[in-house]
Amino acid sequence: MKNQTRAMQFGFAAVLCWSTVATAFKLSLQHLSPAQLVLYASLVSTLVLFGIVLYRDQLPQLAQQWRQAPWHAIKCGVLNPFLYYFVLFAGYDRLPAQQAQALNYTWAIMLSLLAVPMLGQTLRRWDIIAAIAAYAGVVIIATAGDFSRLQLSDPSGIGLMMISTVLWALYWIINTKQQGNPVVGLLLGFIVSLPLTLAVCAYRGELALPNWQGFAGAAYIGLFEMGLTFVLWLTAMRTAEHTASLSNLVFLGPFISLLFIWQILGEVIAPATIIGLVLIVAGLMVQQLGPKMAKAKLASQRSTP
């Protein structure tokens, strides 16, 4: 049943969980390699999603969705969690958390750009304004605000984070064609990904069991980044009477995340990070709210005699 208050509670819980993961990534990477973190976090997330599907009596849908579209499940599993989280964790391993999390938020802009050639969508003026604002923020963060030389603070780390936005956008574009249950589809992707991640860790000699700090971090990420939080957000979207106010909660995420990074990791938040993040979030707001405001203005003009 629709219940806006309940939807906002679920939505805020999801945003709050996502706001903690940048800090969790950095803490976990002190004990695990990026490949190990993908493996153990994916394992925890797979178990959690399997439990949710089992609890909802949706287990028969697992085999059904696989039979209906095995290639789709394989593509999704290779993109997320296999490739996406490998690249994401490698980027976090090289960059300060404040830079990495801010750059990662540009994936929604990348999604709108890739949707033009891949889905045949039109690039609206709002998308262009949003892209200019967001990628101006990326330049400020990447150069640490030093425009005199335009020298990137860590080219490899920044490159990895920008590649992660492409992979995440591709994953959601491919998912537009998914017709089955989204939670079951997510579980299928993790089942596909696990053997690939296991093979990479074995090849790199990284199959050793983690210490308790590493496993605790991986378990937290598996719960609150990869698995449970997705279900919270999906529940919020399905319960909401007005999805616009729910979607606006997302804009709080990066700023709450900076508080955790500052308080727990002890990173001094650079002015360039704040300026760049404000531009990125402004770009996201323009992309989401601009068309709605234009539509409301047009409707108002039509109703005026």
Protein backbone atom coordinates (compact mmCIF):
# COMPACT_ATOMS: atom_id res chain seq x y z
CA MET A 1 0.00 0.00 0.00
CA LYS A 2 1.11 3.57 -0.70
CA ASN A 3 2.36 5.39 2.38
CA GLN A 4 4.52 8.48 1.86
CA THR A 5 5.77 8.68 5.47
CA ARG A 6 6.84 5.05 5.41
CA ALA A 7 8.45 5.56 1.99
CA MET A 8 10.47 8.53 3.27
CA GLN A 9 11.62 6.48 6.26
CA PHE A 10 12.82 3.65 4.03
CA GLY A 11 14.38 6.14 1.63
CA PHE A 12 16.26 8.03 4.34
CA ALA A 13 17.49 4.73 5.82
CA ALA A 14 18.84 3.75 2.39
CA VAL A 15 20.55 7.12 1.83
CA LEU A 16 22.06 7.01 5.33
CA CYS A 17 23.45 3.51 4.69
CA TRP A 18 24.92 4.56 1.34
CA SER A 19 26.47 7.62 3.01
CA THR A 20 28.59 5.38 5.24
CA VAL A 21 30.07 3.15 2.56
CA ALA A 22 32.85 5.48 1.35
CA THR A 23 34.26 5.37 4.89
CA ALA A 24 33.72 1.60 5.05
CA PHE A 25 35.58 1.15 1.74
CA LYS A 26 38.67 2.96 3.01
CA LEU A 27 38.68 1.15 6.37
CA SER A 28 38.26 -2.25 4.72
CA LEU A 29 40.96 -1.60 2.13
CA GLN A 30 43.44 -1.25 4.98
CA HIS A 31 43.03 -5.00 5.53
CA LEU A 32 41.98 -6.38 2.13
CA SER A 33 43.04 -5.93 -1.47
CA PRO A 34 40.36 -4.61 -3.86
CA ALA A 35 39.91 -8.13 -5.28
CA GLN A 36 39.48 -9.68 -1.82
CA LEU A 37 37.00 -6.99 -0.82
CA VAL A 38 34.90 -7.69 -3.91
CA LEU A 39 34.97 -11.43 -3.17
CA TYR A 40 34.00 -11.36 0.51
CA ALA A 41 31.51 -8.50 0.21
CA SER A 42 29.87 -10.24 -2.77
CA LEU A 43 29.66 -13.48 -0.81
CA VAL A 44 27.88 -11.77 2.09
CA SER A 45 25.55 -9.91 -0.27
CA THR A 46 24.70 -13.14 -2.12
CA LEU A 47 23.73 -14.83 1.16
CA VAL A 48 21.63 -11.83 2.23
CA LEU A 49 19.81 -11.58 -1.10
CA PHE A 50 19.25 -15.35 -1.15
CA GLY A 51 17.69 -15.08 2.33
CA ILE A 52 15.40 -12.25 1.19
CA VAL A 53 14.30 -14.18 -1.91
CA LEU A 54 13.73 -17.31 0.18
CA TYR A 55 11.73 -15.37 2.79
CA ARG A 56 9.51 -13.89 0.05
CA ASP A 57 8.90 -17.33 -1.54
CA GLN A 58 10.47 -16.08 -4.76
CA LEU A 59 13.03 -18.87 -5.14
CA PRO A 60 11.22 -20.47 -8.13
CA GLN A 61 11.62 -17.15 -9.97
CA LEU A 62 15.40 -17.54 -9.79
CA ALA A 63 15.46 -20.50 -12.19
CA GLN A 64 12.63 -18.98 -14.23
CA GLN A 65 14.43 -15.68 -14.84
CA TRP A 66 17.65 -17.52 -15.68
CA ARG A 67 15.87 -19.68 -18.28
CA GLN A 68 14.12 -16.65 -19.77
CA ALA A 69 17.23 -14.50 -20.20
CA PRO A 70 20.54 -16.21 -19.29
CA TRP A 71 22.64 -13.86 -21.45
CA HIS A 72 21.09 -10.84 -19.77
CA ALA A 73 21.94 -12.25 -16.32
CA ILE A 74 25.51 -12.94 -17.41
CA LYS A 75 26.00 -9.41 -18.76
CA CYS A 76 24.57 -7.88 -15.59
CA GLY A 77 26.69 -10.09 -13.33
CA VAL A 78 29.88 -9.27 -15.22
CA LEU A 79 29.17 -5.54 -15.01
CA ASN A 80 27.91 -5.56 -11.41
CA PRO A 81 29.37 -6.62 -9.06
CA PHE A 82 32.39 -8.09 -10.91
CA LEU A 83 33.83 -5.25 -13.02
CA TYR A 84 32.19 -2.29 -11.31
CA TYR A 85 33.37 -3.06 -7.79
CA PHE A 86 36.84 -4.14 -8.89
CA VAL A 87 37.33 -0.76 -10.55
CA LEU A 88 35.55 1.18 -7.78
CA PHE A 89 37.60 -0.36 -4.95
CA ALA A 90 40.82 0.07 -6.93
CA GLY A 91 39.97 3.78 -7.30
CA TYR A 92 39.20 4.12 -3.58
CA ASP A 93 42.48 2.35 -2.82
CA ARG A 94 44.38 5.15 -4.58
CA LEU A 95 42.36 8.29 -3.74
CA PRO A 96 41.23 10.01 -0.56
CA ALA A 97 37.66 8.98 0.26
CA GLN A 98 36.39 12.55 -0.16
CA GLN A 99 37.61 12.68 -3.78
CA ALA A 100 36.51 9.17 -4.70
CA GLN A 101 32.96 9.46 -3.38
CA ALA A 102 32.41 12.84 -5.04
CA LEU A 103 33.61 11.59 -8.43
CA ASN A 104 31.44 8.48 -8.12
CA TYR A 105 28.28 10.61 -7.89
CA THR A 106 28.68 11.67 -11.54
CA TRP A 107 27.42 8.28 -12.74
CA ALA A 108 23.89 9.70 -13.20
CA ILE A 109 25.28 12.30 -15.63
CA MET A 110 27.16 9.57 -17.48
CA LEU A 111 23.91 7.60 -17.65
CA SER A 112 22.12 10.43 -19.45
CA LEU A 113 25.01 10.79 -21.92
CA LEU A 114 25.24 7.06 -22.70
CA ALA A 115 21.45 6.79 -23.05
CA VAL A 116 21.64 8.91 -26.21
CA PRO A 117 23.56 6.42 -28.41
CA MET A 118 22.46 3.24 -26.57
CA LEU A 119 18.75 3.90 -25.97
CA GLY A 120 18.09 6.46 -28.67
CA GLN A 121 17.14 9.13 -26.17
CA THR A 122 17.45 12.85 -26.87
CA LEU A 123 20.03 14.94 -25.05
CA ARG A 124 17.97 17.69 -23.43
CA ARG A 125 19.30 21.12 -22.56
CA TRP A 126 18.98 20.16 -18.90
CA ASP A 127 21.31 17.23 -19.49
CA ILE A 128 23.87 19.52 -21.16
CA ILE A 129 23.73 22.07 -18.31
CA ALA A 130 23.99 19.27 -15.76
CA ALA A 131 26.98 17.71 -17.52
CA ILE A 132 28.82 21.05 -17.73
CA ALA A 133 28.25 21.74 -14.01
CA ALA A 134 29.11 18.20 -12.86
CA TYR A 135 32.26 17.79 -14.92
CA ALA A 136 33.43 21.28 -13.92
CA GLY A 137 33.18 19.91 -10.39
CA VAL A 138 35.19 16.85 -11.46
CA VAL A 139 37.98 19.09 -12.81
CA ILE A 140 38.09 21.07 -9.55
CA ILE A 141 38.30 17.89 -7.46
CA ALA A 142 40.77 16.16 -9.78
CA THR A 143 43.16 19.12 -9.80
CA ALA A 144 42.62 19.90 -6.09
CA GLY A 145 41.61 23.39 -7.24
CA ASP A 146 45.04 24.17 -8.70
CA PHE A 147 44.31 25.49 -12.20
CA SER A 148 47.74 27.02 -12.74
CA ARG A 149 49.17 23.73 -14.00
CA LEU A 150 46.00 21.64 -14.42
CA GLN A 151 47.91 18.68 -13.01
CA LEU A 152 45.77 15.76 -11.81
CA SER A 153 46.33 14.78 -8.18
CA ASP A 154 46.32 11.03 -9.06
CA PRO A 155 45.62 10.30 -12.74
CA SER A 156 45.25 6.53 -12.24
CA GLY A 157 42.85 6.83 -9.32
CA ILE A 158 40.76 9.50 -11.03
CA GLY A 159 40.70 7.45 -14.24
CA LEU A 160 39.49 4.38 -12.32
CA MET A 161 36.70 6.36 -10.65
CA MET A 162 35.50 7.79 -13.97
CA ILE A 163 35.58 4.31 -15.55
CA SER A 164 33.45 3.09 -12.62
CA THR A 165 30.78 5.66 -13.53
CA VAL A 166 30.70 4.30 -17.09
CA LEU A 167 30.35 0.70 -15.84
CA TRP A 168 27.57 1.61 -13.39
CA ALA A 169 25.69 3.60 -16.05
CA LEU A 170 26.02 0.69 -18.50
CA TYR A 171 24.62 -1.67 -15.87
CA TRP A 172 21.47 0.42 -15.43
CA ILE A 173 21.05 0.87 -19.19
CA ILE A 174 21.17 -2.91 -19.65
CA ASN A 175 18.73 -3.29 -16.74
CA THR A 176 16.10 -1.22 -18.55
CA LYS A 177 15.44 -4.40 -20.53
CA GLN A 178 14.95 -6.57 -17.42
CA GLN A 179 11.36 -7.78 -17.09
CA GLY A 180 11.60 -10.01 -14.03
CA ASN A 181 11.79 -9.36 -10.30
CA PRO A 182 14.62 -6.82 -9.65
CA VAL A 183 15.79 -8.43 -6.38
CA VAL A 184 15.88 -11.87 -8.01
CA GLY A 185 17.73 -10.33 -10.95
CA LEU A 186 20.28 -8.77 -8.60
CA LEU A 187 20.82 -12.14 -6.89
CA LEU A 188 21.36 -13.79 -10.28
CA GLY A 189 24.04 -11.22 -11.07
CA PHE A 190 25.88 -11.98 -7.85
CA ILE A 191 25.70 -15.73 -8.48
CA VAL A 192 27.21 -15.17 -11.94
CA SER A 193 29.90 -12.89 -10.54
CA LEU A 194 31.13 -15.03 -7.64
CA PRO A 195 33.06 -17.66 -9.69
CA LEU A 196 34.73 -14.89 -11.71
CA THR A 197 35.82 -13.03 -8.58
CA LEU A 198 37.01 -16.28 -7.01
CA ALA A 199 39.10 -17.06 -10.11
CA VAL A 200 40.75 -13.62 -10.06
CA CYS A 201 41.63 -13.93 -6.38
CA ALA A 202 43.03 -17.43 -6.96
CA TYR A 203 45.11 -16.21 -9.92
CA ARG A 204 46.51 -13.35 -7.83
CA GLY A 205 47.19 -15.56 -4.81
CA GLU A 206 44.70 -13.64 -2.66
CA LEU A 207 42.45 -16.44 -1.39
CA ALA A 208 43.73 -16.16 2.18
CA LEU A 209 41.08 -15.71 4.85
CA PRO A 210 40.88 -12.09 6.05
CA ASN A 211 41.41 -10.95 9.62
CA TRP A 212 38.32 -10.04 11.59
CA GLN A 213 38.59 -6.33 10.69
CA GLY A 214 38.71 -7.14 6.98
CA PHE A 215 35.82 -9.58 7.18
CA ALA A 216 33.74 -7.17 9.28
CA GLY A 217 34.29 -4.45 6.68
CA ALA A 218 33.43 -6.78 3.81
CA ALA A 219 30.30 -7.96 5.62
CA TYR A 220 29.20 -4.36 6.23
CA ILE A 221 29.72 -3.46 2.56
CA GLY A 222 27.93 -6.61 1.43
CA LEU A 223 24.96 -5.67 3.59
CA PHE A 224 24.72 -1.91 3.23
CA GLU A 225 26.25 -1.18 -0.19
CA MET A 226 25.51 -4.19 -2.35
CA GLY A 227 22.47 -5.94 -0.93
CA LEU A 228 20.09 -4.83 1.82
CA THR A 229 20.12 -1.12 0.97
CA PHE A 230 19.01 -1.86 -2.60
CA VAL A 231 15.95 -3.62 -1.16
CA LEU A 232 15.28 -0.68 1.20
CA TRP A 233 15.35 1.80 -1.69
CA LEU A 234 13.22 -0.41 -3.90
CA THR A 235 10.65 -0.72 -1.09
CA ALA A 236 10.68 3.06 -0.65
CA MET A 237 10.06 3.63 -4.36
CA ARG A 238 7.19 1.15 -4.44
CA THR A 239 5.57 2.61 -1.29
CA ALA A 240 5.94 6.29 -2.23
CA GLU A 241 2.94 8.37 -3.22
CA HIS A 242 5.28 11.04 -4.64
CA THR A 243 8.63 9.76 -5.90
CA ALA A 244 9.97 13.30 -6.50
CA SER A 245 10.32 14.15 -2.80
CA LEU A 246 11.80 10.70 -2.20
CA SER A 247 14.36 11.13 -4.98
CA ASN A 248 15.45 14.45 -3.50
CA LEU A 249 16.80 12.58 -0.46
CA VAL A 250 19.65 11.35 -2.67
CA PHE A 251 21.12 14.85 -2.73
CA LEU A 252 21.79 14.62 1.02
CA GLY A 253 23.97 11.54 0.58
CA PRO A 254 27.30 13.02 -0.52
CA PHE A 255 27.28 15.68 2.21
CA ILE A 256 26.40 13.20 4.96
CA SER A 257 29.18 11.01 3.56
CA LEU A 258 31.68 13.86 3.97
CA LEU A 259 30.77 14.09 7.65
CA PHE A 260 31.55 10.40 8.17
CA ILE A 261 34.81 10.75 6.21
CA TRP A 262 35.83 13.72 8.34
CA GLN A 263 34.80 12.27 11.70
CA ILE A 264 35.84 8.62 11.27
CA LEU A 265 38.69 8.67 8.75
CA GLY A 266 40.04 11.97 9.97
CA GLU A 267 40.45 13.37 6.46
CA VAL A 268 40.66 17.15 6.33
CA ILE A 269 37.96 18.09 3.82
CA ALA A 270 39.61 20.29 1.19
CA PRO A 271 37.79 23.41 -0.05
CA ALA A 272 38.20 22.10 -3.63
CA THR A 273 36.28 18.95 -2.66
CA ILE A 274 33.37 20.95 -1.26
CA ILE A 275 33.23 23.30 -4.26
CA GLY A 276 33.47 20.41 -6.72
CA LEU A 277 30.84 18.39 -4.87
CA VAL A 278 28.44 21.34 -4.78
CA LEU A 279 28.80 21.66 -8.57
CA ILE A 280 28.23 17.93 -9.06
CA VAL A 281 25.11 17.92 -6.86
CA ALA A 282 23.89 21.11 -8.55
CA GLY A 283 24.26 19.34 -11.89
CA LEU A 284 22.25 16.37 -10.59
CA MET A 285 19.54 18.70 -9.27
CA VAL A 286 19.31 20.54 -12.60
CA GLN A 287 19.03 17.22 -14.42
CA GLN A 288 16.25 15.95 -12.16
CA LEU A 289 14.31 19.09 -11.24
CA GLY A 290 14.78 21.23 -14.37
CA PRO A 291 12.37 19.33 -16.66
CA LYS A 292 9.74 19.15 -13.89
CA MET A 293 9.90 22.89 -13.29
CA ALA A 294 9.69 23.60 -17.02
CA LYS A 295 6.68 21.28 -17.34
CA ALA A 296 4.96 22.94 -14.37
CA LYS A 297 5.60 26.38 -15.85
CA LEU A 298 4.18 25.30 -19.21
CA ALA A 299 1.08 23.85 -17.54
CA SER A 300 0.61 27.09 -15.63
CA GLN A 301 0.85 29.15 -18.80
CA ARG A 302 -1.71 26.95 -20.55
CA SER A 303 -4.18 27.25 -17.66
CA THR A 304 -3.86 31.06 -17.62
CA PRO A 305 -6.51 32.67 -19.90
